[in-house]
Amino acid sequence: MEPQASLAVGAAVVIFALIVIGSAIRIVPEYQRLVVLRLGRALGSKGPGLIILIPIVDRGIKVDLREIYFDVEPQAAITSDNASISVDFFIYMKVVDPMASVIQVENFFGASRGIAITTLRAVVGEMMLDEVLAKREEINETLRVKLDEVTNRWGIKVTAVEIREIIPPRDVQDAMTRQMSAERERRAVVLEAEGKREAQVTIAEGERQATILRAEGERQAAILDAEGGRQAQMLQAEGYAEALNRIFAAAKGVDSKTMSLQYLEALRDLGSKESTKFVIPMEFTRLMQPFLGHAERSMEDREQPG
């Protein structure tokens, strides 16, 4: 029995030693810190890395330094114009002082949630319903600043507050629905009128351009007609001038006998027509002088005696 008892005692000692060693050695990751209390007195935060604690004497409390968030369930609030609304939102925060987060507050999650709810009701109570619905970003920033002022003493930094949903009363929702419908109808009417106006402007602009083009075409046609008439007159004048030049050239080669024959031919033509009037040109006397002289010589020859 004595050997077995010795083995049992040895095993118990070994197990106890392992438990003591296990409680004395802590490995702290980069995103955590270990707040060490020795006999109830805070020694500070340790880590990251390997931390050795005195068994039974030292107590280590892990604190996560990563940014965390929690959802605040829908909370009822009353605006300054006595409208009851429901608001839920997210809170983002991180531990910046591990010692303060352990020593100054028992549960900073619950404490932050309670402060957020009371702060939300205080902020909403100072605003009108329309402002609450329209100034969501302003409410987020106001809540963040006020929460950060309170949680700063706990070693907590509030990084952001984001309102997820604001639910107004039922009658307000119905009124908003009607307002949105009216706004859509108004926009539709405005867009239709704007479209008609643009169409009319486009048509008028097209007619103006067409009128300008027609006037320009008529002007070009008139210019072309005038230019054509001028060219035709120039060509006609050139033809007359050419004809006169040819007549003048031909007249230079005509002698007196040819002219006399032409006068006689003209007189014959005048005599052949039925008319009680005779036109005798002045040149006719000169043309008849040779014939008259010949007749006078013939008469003189007959009067002389043989």
C-alpha atoms as a PDB file:
ATOM      1  CA  MET A   1       0.000   0.000   0.000  1.00  0.00           C
ATOM      2  CA  GLU A   2       2.834   2.373   0.719  1.00  0.00           C
ATOM      3  CA  PRO A   3       4.195   2.400  -2.872  1.00  0.00           C
ATOM      4  CA  GLN A   4       0.744   3.065  -4.274  1.00  0.00           C
ATOM      5  CA  ALA A   5       0.168   5.875  -1.798  1.00  0.00           C
ATOM      6  CA  SER A   6       3.500   7.399  -2.737  1.00  0.00           C
ATOM      7  CA  LEU A   7       2.578   7.316  -6.418  1.00  0.00           C
ATOM      8  CA  ALA A   8      -0.776   8.984  -5.743  1.00  0.00           C
ATOM      9  CA  VAL A   9       0.845  11.700  -3.699  1.00  0.00           C
ATOM     10  CA  GLY A  10       3.476  12.239  -6.401  1.00  0.00           C
ATOM     11  CA  ALA A  11       0.809  12.503  -9.115  1.00  0.00           C
ATOM     12  CA  ALA A  12      -1.175  14.992  -7.041  1.00  0.00           C
ATOM     13  CA  VAL A  13       1.936  17.088  -6.526  1.00  0.00           C
ATOM     14  CA  VAL A  14       2.695  17.054 -10.238  1.00  0.00           C
ATOM     15  CA  ILE A  15      -0.864  18.031 -11.156  1.00  0.00           C
ATOM     16  CA  PHE A  16      -0.841  20.820  -8.603  1.00  0.00           C
ATOM     17  CA  ALA A  17       2.481  22.044  -9.938  1.00  0.00           C
ATOM     18  CA  LEU A  18       1.137  22.066 -13.484  1.00  0.00           C
ATOM     19  CA  ILE A  19      -1.928  24.000 -12.394  1.00  0.00           C
ATOM     20  CA  VAL A  20       0.223  26.538 -10.583  1.00  0.00           C
ATOM     21  CA  ILE A  21       2.556  26.914 -13.542  1.00  0.00           C
ATOM     22  CA  GLY A  22      -0.399  27.230 -15.903  1.00  0.00           C
ATOM     23  CA  SER A  23      -1.940  30.009 -13.816  1.00  0.00           C
ATOM     24  CA  ALA A  24       1.412  31.761 -13.535  1.00  0.00           C
ATOM     25  CA  ILE A  25       2.209  31.852 -17.242  1.00  0.00           C
ATOM     26  CA  ARG A  26       0.023  33.991 -19.558  1.00  0.00           C
ATOM     27  CA  ILE A  27       0.491  34.679 -23.271  1.00  0.00           C
ATOM     28  CA  VAL A  28      -1.127  37.986 -24.231  1.00  0.00           C
ATOM     29  CA  PRO A  29      -1.824  38.622 -27.981  1.00  0.00           C
ATOM     30  CA  GLU A  30      -1.153  41.957 -29.668  1.00  0.00           C
ATOM     31  CA  TYR A  31      -4.774  43.148 -29.523  1.00  0.00           C
ATOM     32  CA  GLN A  32      -5.117  42.526 -25.763  1.00  0.00           C
ATOM     33  CA  ARG A  33      -3.641  43.786 -22.505  1.00  0.00           C
ATOM     34  CA  LEU A  34      -3.473  42.095 -19.095  1.00  0.00           C
ATOM     35  CA  VAL A  35      -4.356  44.243 -16.083  1.00  0.00           C
ATOM     36  CA  VAL A  36      -2.486  42.737 -13.110  1.00  0.00           C
ATOM     37  CA  LEU A  37      -3.787  42.984  -9.547  1.00  0.00           C
ATOM     38  CA  ARG A  38      -1.470  41.823  -6.737  1.00  0.00           C
ATOM     39  CA  LEU A  39      -3.311  41.154  -3.564  1.00  0.00           C
ATOM     40  CA  GLY A  40      -6.035  43.476  -4.861  1.00  0.00           C
ATOM     41  CA  ARG A  41      -3.685  46.342  -5.747  1.00  0.00           C
ATOM     42  CA  ALA A  42      -3.382  47.353  -9.407  1.00  0.00           C
ATOM     43  CA  LEU A  43       0.127  46.958 -10.767  1.00  0.00           C
ATOM     44  CA  GLY A  44      -0.681  48.139 -14.322  1.00  0.00           C
ATOM     45  CA  SER A  45      -1.375  46.644 -17.707  1.00  0.00           C
ATOM     46  CA  LYS A  46       1.000  44.065 -19.189  1.00  0.00           C
ATOM     47  CA  GLY A  47       1.520  42.749 -22.671  1.00  0.00           C
ATOM     48  CA  PRO A  48       1.638  41.785 -25.347  1.00  0.00           C
ATOM     49  CA  GLY A  49       3.780  38.648 -25.137  1.00  0.00           C
ATOM     50  CA  LEU A  50       4.686  36.306 -22.257  1.00  0.00           C
ATOM     51  CA  ILE A  51       3.574  37.448 -18.808  1.00  0.00           C
ATOM     52  CA  ILE A  52       4.630  35.699 -15.532  1.00  0.00           C
ATOM     53  CA  LEU A  53       2.279  36.003 -12.586  1.00  0.00           C
ATOM     54  CA  ILE A  54       2.783  34.913  -9.004  1.00  0.00           C
ATOM     55  CA  PRO A  55       0.325  32.152  -8.353  1.00  0.00           C
ATOM     56  CA  ILE A  56      -2.437  32.908  -5.827  1.00  0.00           C
ATOM     57  CA  VAL A  57      -0.967  36.390  -5.220  1.00  0.00           C
ATOM     58  CA  ASP A  58      -1.446  37.931  -8.701  1.00  0.00           C
ATOM     59  CA  ARG A  59      -4.680  38.114 -10.704  1.00  0.00           C
ATOM     60  CA  GLY A  60      -4.770  38.975 -14.366  1.00  0.00           C
ATOM     61  CA  ILE A  61      -7.781  40.516 -16.172  1.00  0.00           C
ATOM     62  CA  LYS A  62      -7.739  40.533 -19.984  1.00  0.00           C
ATOM     63  CA  VAL A  63      -8.906  43.668 -21.826  1.00  0.00           C
ATOM     64  CA  ASP A  64      -9.558  43.686 -25.596  1.00  0.00           C
ATOM     65  CA  LEU A  65      -8.236  46.808 -27.376  1.00  0.00           C
ATOM     66  CA  ARG A  66     -10.027  46.214 -30.688  1.00  0.00           C
ATOM     67  CA  GLU A  67     -12.899  48.428 -31.750  1.00  0.00           C
ATOM     68  CA  ILE A  68     -16.183  46.929 -30.704  1.00  0.00           C
ATOM     69  CA  TYR A  69     -19.824  47.782 -31.369  1.00  0.00           C
ATOM     70  CA  PHE A  70     -23.188  46.974 -29.928  1.00  0.00           C
ATOM     71  CA  ASP A  71     -26.739  47.546 -31.024  1.00  0.00           C
ATOM     72  CA  VAL A  72     -29.100  49.618 -28.913  1.00  0.00           C
ATOM     73  CA  GLU A  73     -32.578  48.185 -29.412  1.00  0.00           C
ATOM     74  CA  PRO A  74     -35.389  50.570 -30.511  1.00  0.00           C
ATOM     75  CA  GLN A  75     -35.973  53.217 -27.873  1.00  0.00           C
ATOM     76  CA  ALA A  76     -39.076  55.392 -27.505  1.00  0.00           C
ATOM     77  CA  ALA A  77     -38.450  59.134 -27.449  1.00  0.00           C
ATOM     78  CA  ILE A  78     -40.642  62.232 -27.567  1.00  0.00           C
ATOM     79  CA  THR A  79     -39.729  65.251 -29.663  1.00  0.00           C
ATOM     80  CA  SER A  80     -40.254  68.858 -28.623  1.00  0.00           C
ATOM     81  CA  ASP A  81     -43.538  68.951 -30.602  1.00  0.00           C
ATOM     82  CA  ASN A  82     -44.827  65.904 -28.632  1.00  0.00           C
ATOM     83  CA  ALA A  83     -44.375  63.339 -31.388  1.00  0.00           C
ATOM     84  CA  SER A  84     -43.532  59.841 -30.179  1.00  0.00           C
ATOM     85  CA  ILE A  85     -40.831  58.122 -32.237  1.00  0.00           C
ATOM     86  CA  SER A  86     -38.780  54.952 -32.025  1.00  0.00           C
ATOM     87  CA  VAL A  87     -35.033  55.055 -32.656  1.00  0.00           C
ATOM     88  CA  ASP A  88     -32.416  52.293 -32.741  1.00  0.00           C
ATOM     89  CA  PHE A  89     -28.725  52.805 -33.403  1.00  0.00           C
ATOM     90  CA  PHE A  90     -25.222  51.336 -33.260  1.00  0.00           C
ATOM     91  CA  ILE A  91     -22.394  52.497 -30.988  1.00  0.00           C
ATOM     92  CA  TYR A  92     -18.755  51.952 -31.965  1.00  0.00           C
ATOM     93  CA  MET A  93     -16.085  52.269 -29.285  1.00  0.00           C
ATOM     94  CA  LYS A  94     -12.646  51.049 -28.235  1.00  0.00           C
ATOM     95  CA  VAL A  95     -10.635  50.801 -25.023  1.00  0.00           C
ATOM     96  CA  VAL A  96      -7.794  53.321 -24.881  1.00  0.00           C
ATOM     97  CA  ASP A  97      -6.916  52.889 -21.165  1.00  0.00           C
ATOM     98  CA  PRO A  98      -7.100  49.246 -19.980  1.00  0.00           C
ATOM     99  CA  MET A  99      -6.546  50.178 -16.318  1.00  0.00           C
ATOM    100  CA  ALA A 100      -9.432  52.683 -16.244  1.00  0.00           C
ATOM    101  CA  SER A 101     -11.768  50.300 -18.090  1.00  0.00           C
ATOM    102  CA  VAL A 102     -11.257  47.728 -15.313  1.00  0.00           C
ATOM    103  CA  ILE A 103     -10.978  49.928 -12.222  1.00  0.00           C
ATOM    104  CA  GLN A 104     -13.324  52.858 -13.000  1.00  0.00           C
ATOM    105  CA  VAL A 105     -16.380  50.907 -14.197  1.00  0.00           C
ATOM    106  CA  GLU A 106     -17.708  47.434 -13.543  1.00  0.00           C
ATOM    107  CA  ASN A 107     -19.216  46.784 -16.987  1.00  0.00           C
ATOM    108  CA  PHE A 108     -18.542  49.481 -19.535  1.00  0.00           C
ATOM    109  CA  PHE A 109     -20.857  47.810 -22.089  1.00  0.00           C
ATOM    110  CA  GLY A 110     -23.919  48.168 -19.882  1.00  0.00           C
ATOM    111  CA  ALA A 111     -22.867  51.606 -18.642  1.00  0.00           C
ATOM    112  CA  SER A 112     -22.322  52.869 -22.217  1.00  0.00           C
ATOM    113  CA  ARG A 113     -25.691  51.486 -23.296  1.00  0.00           C
ATOM    114  CA  GLY A 114     -27.502  53.256 -20.459  1.00  0.00           C
ATOM    115  CA  ILE A 115     -25.747  56.569 -21.140  1.00  0.00           C
ATOM    116  CA  ALA A 116     -26.534  56.249 -24.870  1.00  0.00           C
ATOM    117  CA  ILE A 117     -30.254  55.738 -24.212  1.00  0.00           C
ATOM    118  CA  THR A 118     -30.603  58.692 -21.847  1.00  0.00           C
ATOM    119  CA  THR A 119     -28.508  60.917 -24.105  1.00  0.00           C
ATOM    120  CA  LEU A 120     -30.628  59.979 -27.111  1.00  0.00           C
ATOM    121  CA  ARG A 121     -33.845  60.934 -25.345  1.00  0.00           C
ATOM    122  CA  ALA A 122     -32.333  64.227 -24.211  1.00  0.00           C
ATOM    123  CA  VAL A 123     -31.145  65.128 -27.708  1.00  0.00           C
ATOM    124  CA  VAL A 124     -34.412  64.128 -29.433  1.00  0.00           C
ATOM    125  CA  GLY A 125     -36.456  65.973 -26.817  1.00  0.00           C
ATOM    126  CA  GLU A 126     -34.834  69.252 -27.862  1.00  0.00           C
ATOM    127  CA  MET A 127     -35.694  68.864 -31.564  1.00  0.00           C
ATOM    128  CA  MET A 128     -38.820  69.008 -33.701  1.00  0.00           C
ATOM    129  CA  LEU A 129     -39.994  65.893 -35.519  1.00  0.00           C
ATOM    130  CA  ASP A 130     -39.036  67.297 -38.929  1.00  0.00           C
ATOM    131  CA  GLU A 131     -35.556  68.106 -37.627  1.00  0.00           C
ATOM    132  CA  VAL A 132     -35.132  64.600 -36.213  1.00  0.00           C
ATOM    133  CA  LEU A 133     -36.064  63.092 -39.586  1.00  0.00           C
ATOM    134  CA  ALA A 134     -33.920  65.494 -41.593  1.00  0.00           C
ATOM    135  CA  LYS A 135     -30.831  65.906 -39.379  1.00  0.00           C
ATOM    136  CA  ARG A 136     -29.768  62.336 -38.786  1.00  0.00           C
ATOM    137  CA  GLU A 137     -26.065  63.058 -39.254  1.00  0.00           C
ATOM    138  CA  GLU A 138     -26.233  65.950 -36.805  1.00  0.00           C
ATOM    139  CA  ILE A 139     -27.898  63.709 -34.196  1.00  0.00           C
ATOM    140  CA  ASN A 140     -25.215  61.056 -34.726  1.00  0.00           C
ATOM    141  CA  GLU A 141     -22.437  63.552 -34.092  1.00  0.00           C
ATOM    142  CA  THR A 142     -24.182  65.044 -31.044  1.00  0.00           C
ATOM    143  CA  LEU A 143     -24.641  61.599 -29.495  1.00  0.00           C
ATOM    144  CA  ARG A 144     -21.022  60.680 -30.205  1.00  0.00           C
ATOM    145  CA  VAL A 145     -19.667  63.827 -28.544  1.00  0.00           C
ATOM    146  CA  LYS A 146     -21.884  63.528 -25.469  1.00  0.00           C
ATOM    147  CA  LEU A 147     -21.163  59.814 -25.033  1.00  0.00           C
ATOM    148  CA  ASP A 148     -17.448  60.360 -25.444  1.00  0.00           C
ATOM    149  CA  GLU A 149     -17.460  63.022 -22.736  1.00  0.00           C
ATOM    150  CA  VAL A 150     -18.936  60.500 -20.258  1.00  0.00           C
ATOM    151  CA  THR A 151     -17.017  57.366 -21.291  1.00  0.00           C
ATOM    152  CA  ASN A 152     -13.676  59.167 -21.406  1.00  0.00           C
ATOM    153  CA  ARG A 153     -13.250  58.724 -17.649  1.00  0.00           C
ATOM    154  CA  TRP A 154     -13.697  54.970 -18.103  1.00  0.00           C
ATOM    155  CA  GLY A 155     -10.862  54.777 -20.597  1.00  0.00           C
ATOM    156  CA  ILE A 156     -13.334  54.290 -23.463  1.00  0.00           C
ATOM    157  CA  LYS A 157     -13.270  56.202 -26.749  1.00  0.00           C
ATOM    158  CA  VAL A 158     -16.572  56.422 -28.660  1.00  0.00           C
ATOM    159  CA  THR A 159     -15.584  56.468 -32.332  1.00  0.00           C
ATOM    160  CA  ALA A 160     -19.001  56.641 -33.998  1.00  0.00           C
ATOM    161  CA  VAL A 161     -22.746  56.550 -33.448  1.00  0.00           C
ATOM    162  CA  GLU A 162     -24.958  55.539 -36.361  1.00  0.00           C
ATOM    163  CA  ILE A 163     -28.744  55.752 -36.240  1.00  0.00           C
ATOM    164  CA  ARG A 164     -30.141  52.807 -38.149  1.00  0.00           C
ATOM    165  CA  GLU A 165     -33.851  53.592 -38.210  1.00  0.00           C
ATOM    166  CA  ILE A 166     -36.255  56.276 -37.032  1.00  0.00           C
ATOM    167  CA  ILE A 167     -39.892  55.194 -36.906  1.00  0.00           C
ATOM    168  CA  PRO A 168     -42.390  58.085 -36.545  1.00  0.00           C
ATOM    169  CA  PRO A 169     -46.033  57.650 -35.428  1.00  0.00           C
ATOM    170  CA  ARG A 170     -48.492  55.938 -37.746  1.00  0.00           C
ATOM    171  CA  ASP A 171     -50.408  59.090 -38.618  1.00  0.00           C
ATOM    172  CA  VAL A 172     -47.143  60.850 -39.400  1.00  0.00           C
ATOM    173  CA  GLN A 173     -46.138  57.951 -41.664  1.00  0.00           C
ATOM    174  CA  ASP A 174     -49.453  58.236 -43.511  1.00  0.00           C
ATOM    175  CA  ALA A 175     -49.000  61.995 -43.880  1.00  0.00           C
ATOM    176  CA  MET A 176     -45.440  61.465 -45.155  1.00  0.00           C
ATOM    177  CA  THR A 177     -46.731  58.910 -47.667  1.00  0.00           C
ATOM    178  CA  ARG A 178     -49.330  61.358 -48.950  1.00  0.00           C
ATOM    179  CA  GLN A 179     -46.718  64.097 -49.064  1.00  0.00           C
ATOM    180  CA  MET A 180     -44.355  61.904 -51.049  1.00  0.00           C
ATOM    181  CA  SER A 181     -47.163  61.019 -53.472  1.00  0.00           C
ATOM    182  CA  ALA A 182     -48.032  64.683 -53.920  1.00  0.00           C
ATOM    183  CA  GLU A 183     -44.355  65.518 -54.402  1.00  0.00           C
ATOM    184  CA  ARG A 184     -44.013  62.805 -57.044  1.00  0.00           C
ATOM    185  CA  GLU A 185     -47.099  64.091 -58.864  1.00  0.00           C
ATOM    186  CA  ARG A 186     -45.750  67.627 -58.684  1.00  0.00           C
ATOM    187  CA  ARG A 187     -42.429  66.532 -60.101  1.00  0.00           C
ATOM    188  CA  ALA A 188     -44.213  64.606 -62.855  1.00  0.00           C
ATOM    189  CA  VAL A 189     -46.257  67.695 -63.781  1.00  0.00           C
ATOM    190  CA  VAL A 190     -43.145  69.873 -63.695  1.00  0.00           C
ATOM    191  CA  LEU A 191     -41.214  67.412 -65.842  1.00  0.00           C
ATOM    192  CA  GLU A 192     -44.096  67.173 -68.311  1.00  0.00           C
ATOM    193  CA  ALA A 193     -44.369  70.959 -68.539  1.00  0.00           C
ATOM    194  CA  GLU A 194     -40.611  71.231 -68.890  1.00  0.00           C
ATOM    195  CA  GLY A 195     -40.682  68.639 -71.648  1.00  0.00           C
ATOM    196  CA  LYS A 196     -43.460  70.479 -73.500  1.00  0.00           C
ATOM    197  CA  ARG A 197     -41.600  73.767 -73.139  1.00  0.00           C
ATOM    198  CA  GLU A 198     -38.400  72.250 -74.481  1.00  0.00           C
ATOM    199  CA  ALA A 199     -40.349  70.663 -77.343  1.00  0.00           C
ATOM    200  CA  GLN A 200     -41.924  74.003 -78.234  1.00  0.00           C
ATOM    201  CA  VAL A 201     -38.556  75.718 -78.028  1.00  0.00           C
ATOM    202  CA  THR A 202     -37.075  73.045 -80.270  1.00  0.00           C
ATOM    203  CA  ILE A 203     -39.921  73.374 -82.792  1.00  0.00           C
ATOM    204  CA  ALA A 204     -39.635  77.167 -82.793  1.00  0.00           C
ATOM    205  CA  GLU A 205     -35.895  76.930 -83.221  1.00  0.00           C
ATOM    206  CA  GLY A 206     -36.378  74.502 -86.086  1.00  0.00           C
ATOM    207  CA  GLU A 207     -38.891  76.802 -87.777  1.00  0.00           C
ATOM    208  CA  ARG A 208     -36.547  79.746 -87.311  1.00  0.00           C
ATOM    209  CA  GLN A 209     -33.683  77.808 -88.836  1.00  0.00           C
ATOM    210  CA  ALA A 210     -35.936  76.689 -91.701  1.00  0.00           C
ATOM    211  CA  THR A 211     -37.043  80.287 -92.345  1.00  0.00           C
ATOM    212  CA  ILE A 212     -33.437  81.433 -92.331  1.00  0.00           C
ATOM    213  CA  LEU A 213     -32.478  78.649 -94.730  1.00  0.00           C
ATOM    214  CA  ARG A 214     -35.412  79.454 -97.048  1.00  0.00           C
ATOM    215  CA  ALA A 215     -34.528  83.155 -97.055  1.00  0.00           C
ATOM    216  CA  GLU A 216     -30.910  82.290 -97.704  1.00  0.00           C
ATOM    217  CA  GLY A 217     -31.940  79.982-100.532  1.00  0.00           C
ATOM    218  CA  GLU A 218     -34.189  82.639-102.083  1.00  0.00           C
ATOM    219  CA  ARG A 219     -31.391  85.189-101.772  1.00  0.00           C
ATOM    220  CA  GLN A 220     -28.926  82.845-103.436  1.00  0.00           C
ATOM    221  CA  ALA A 221     -31.496  82.076-106.162  1.00  0.00           C
ATOM    222  CA  ALA A 222     -32.097  85.795-106.767  1.00  0.00           C
ATOM    223  CA  ILE A 223     -28.363  86.376-106.927  1.00  0.00           C
ATOM    224  CA  LEU A 224     -27.969  83.513-109.387  1.00  0.00           C
ATOM    225  CA  ASP A 225     -30.904  84.782-111.515  1.00  0.00           C
ATOM    226  CA  ALA A 226     -29.448  88.283-111.557  1.00  0.00           C
ATOM    227  CA  GLU A 227     -26.042  86.917-112.407  1.00  0.00           C
ATOM    228  CA  GLY A 228     -27.567  84.806-115.184  1.00  0.00           C
ATOM    229  CA  GLY A 229     -29.462  87.825-116.584  1.00  0.00           C
ATOM    230  CA  ARG A 230     -26.325  89.912-116.467  1.00  0.00           C
ATOM    231  CA  GLN A 231     -24.355  87.205-118.255  1.00  0.00           C
ATOM    232  CA  ALA A 232     -27.122  86.868-120.851  1.00  0.00           C
ATOM    233  CA  GLN A 233     -27.208  90.613-121.455  1.00  0.00           C
ATOM    234  CA  MET A 234     -23.442  90.691-121.727  1.00  0.00           C
ATOM    235  CA  LEU A 235     -23.508  87.844-124.229  1.00  0.00           C
ATOM    236  CA  GLN A 236     -26.317  89.562-126.200  1.00  0.00           C
ATOM    237  CA  ALA A 237     -24.431  92.843-126.222  1.00  0.00           C
ATOM    238  CA  GLU A 238     -21.296  91.038-127.311  1.00  0.00           C
ATOM    239  CA  GLY A 239     -23.350  89.406-130.121  1.00  0.00           C
ATOM    240  CA  TYR A 240     -24.684  92.802-131.252  1.00  0.00           C
ATOM    241  CA  ALA A 241     -21.207  94.238-131.169  1.00  0.00           C
ATOM    242  CA  GLU A 242     -19.875  91.327-133.194  1.00  0.00           C
ATOM    243  CA  ALA A 243     -22.692  91.705-135.721  1.00  0.00           C
ATOM    244  CA  LEU A 244     -22.040  95.442-136.063  1.00  0.00           C
ATOM    245  CA  ASN A 245     -18.339  94.801-136.507  1.00  0.00           C
ATOM    246  CA  ARG A 246     -19.094  92.329-139.275  1.00  0.00           C
ATOM    247  CA  ILE A 247     -21.550  94.729-140.954  1.00  0.00           C
ATOM    248  CA  PHE A 248     -19.032  97.535-140.714  1.00  0.00           C
ATOM    249  CA  ALA A 249     -16.349  95.286-142.198  1.00  0.00           C
ATOM    250  CA  ALA A 250     -18.663  94.251-145.034  1.00  0.00           C
ATOM    251  CA  ALA A 251     -19.679  97.883-145.684  1.00  0.00           C
ATOM    252  CA  LYS A 252     -16.073  98.845-146.235  1.00  0.00           C
ATOM    253  CA  GLY A 253     -15.915  96.529-149.293  1.00  0.00           C
ATOM    254  CA  VAL A 254     -19.121  97.817-150.973  1.00  0.00           C
ATOM    255  CA  ASP A 255     -18.545 100.325-153.934  1.00  0.00           C
ATOM    256  CA  SER A 256     -20.922 102.968-155.370  1.00  0.00           C
ATOM    257  CA  LYS A 257     -22.245 100.714-158.122  1.00  0.00           C
ATOM    258  CA  THR A 258     -23.283  98.060-155.653  1.00  0.00           C
ATOM    259  CA  MET A 259     -25.059 100.704-153.586  1.00  0.00           C
ATOM    260  CA  SER A 260     -26.832 102.018-156.684  1.00  0.00           C
ATOM    261  CA  LEU A 261     -28.053  98.571-157.575  1.00  0.00           C
ATOM    262  CA  GLN A 262     -29.324  98.097-154.025  1.00  0.00           C
ATOM    263  CA  TYR A 263     -31.186 101.443-154.199  1.00  0.00           C
ATOM    264  CA  LEU A 264     -32.773 100.437-157.465  1.00  0.00           C
ATOM    265  CA  GLU A 265     -33.758  97.103-156.042  1.00  0.00           C
ATOM    266  CA  ALA A 266     -35.330  98.897-153.101  1.00  0.00           C
ATOM    267  CA  LEU A 267     -37.241 101.261-155.392  1.00  0.00           C
ATOM    268  CA  ARG A 268     -38.535  98.365-157.430  1.00  0.00           C
ATOM    269  CA  ASP A 269     -39.823  96.738-154.284  1.00  0.00           C
ATOM    270  CA  LEU A 270     -41.547  99.970-153.277  1.00  0.00           C
ATOM    271  CA  GLY A 271     -43.129 100.320-156.656  1.00  0.00           C
ATOM    272  CA  SER A 272     -44.505  96.818-156.640  1.00  0.00           C
ATOM    273  CA  LYS A 273     -46.572  97.462-153.500  1.00  0.00           C
ATOM    274  CA  GLU A 274     -50.079  98.921-153.575  1.00  0.00           C
ATOM    275  CA  SER A 275     -49.734 102.398-152.181  1.00  0.00           C
ATOM    276  CA  THR A 276     -50.782 105.926-153.088  1.00  0.00           C
ATOM    277  CA  LYS A 277     -47.611 107.381-151.692  1.00  0.00           C
ATOM    278  CA  PHE A 278     -44.078 107.062-153.011  1.00  0.00           C
ATOM    279  CA  VAL A 279     -40.974 107.483-150.965  1.00  0.00           C
ATOM    280  CA  ILE A 280     -38.065 108.792-153.039  1.00  0.00           C
ATOM    281  CA  PRO A 281     -34.823 109.092-151.186  1.00  0.00           C
ATOM    282  CA  MET A 282     -32.594 112.130-151.756  1.00  0.00           C
ATOM    283  CA  GLU A 283     -29.841 109.936-153.125  1.00  0.00           C
ATOM    284  CA  PHE A 284     -32.189 109.006-156.015  1.00  0.00           C
ATOM    285  CA  THR A 285     -31.378 112.282-157.859  1.00  0.00           C
ATOM    286  CA  ARG A 286     -27.710 111.482-157.770  1.00  0.00           C
ATOM    287  CA  LEU A 287     -28.430 108.018-159.030  1.00  0.00           C
ATOM    288  CA  MET A 288     -30.483 109.354-161.940  1.00  0.00           C
ATOM    289  CA  GLN A 289     -27.887 111.925-163.106  1.00  0.00           C
ATOM    290  CA  PRO A 290     -26.008 109.470-165.358  1.00  0.00           C
ATOM    291  CA  PHE A 291     -29.229 108.406-167.047  1.00  0.00           C
ATOM    292  CA  LEU A 292     -30.390 112.010-167.509  1.00  0.00           C
ATOM    293  CA  GLY A 293     -27.060 112.987-169.036  1.00  0.00           C
ATOM    294  CA  HIS A 294     -27.246 110.110-171.482  1.00  0.00           C
ATOM    295  CA  ALA A 295     -30.807 111.116-172.476  1.00  0.00           C
ATOM    296  CA  GLU A 296     -29.780 114.756-173.091  1.00  0.00           C
ATOM    297  CA  ARG A 297     -26.926 113.703-175.356  1.00  0.00           C
ATOM    298  CA  SER A 298     -29.300 111.504-177.347  1.00  0.00           C
ATOM    299  CA  MET A 299     -31.743 114.387-177.875  1.00  0.00           C
ATOM    300  CA  GLU A 300     -28.942 116.685-179.037  1.00  0.00           C
ATOM    301  CA  ASP A 301     -27.784 114.156-181.569  1.00  0.00           C
ATOM    302  CA  ARG A 302     -31.303 113.913-183.047  1.00  0.00           C
ATOM    303  CA  GLU A 303     -31.718 117.697-183.416  1.00  0.00           C
ATOM    304  CA  GLN A 304     -28.507 118.143-185.405  1.00  0.00           C
ATOM    305  CA  PRO A 305     -29.129 117.902-189.239  1.00  0.00           C
ATOM    306  CA  GLY A 306     -27.699 115.090-191.136  1.00  0.00           C
END
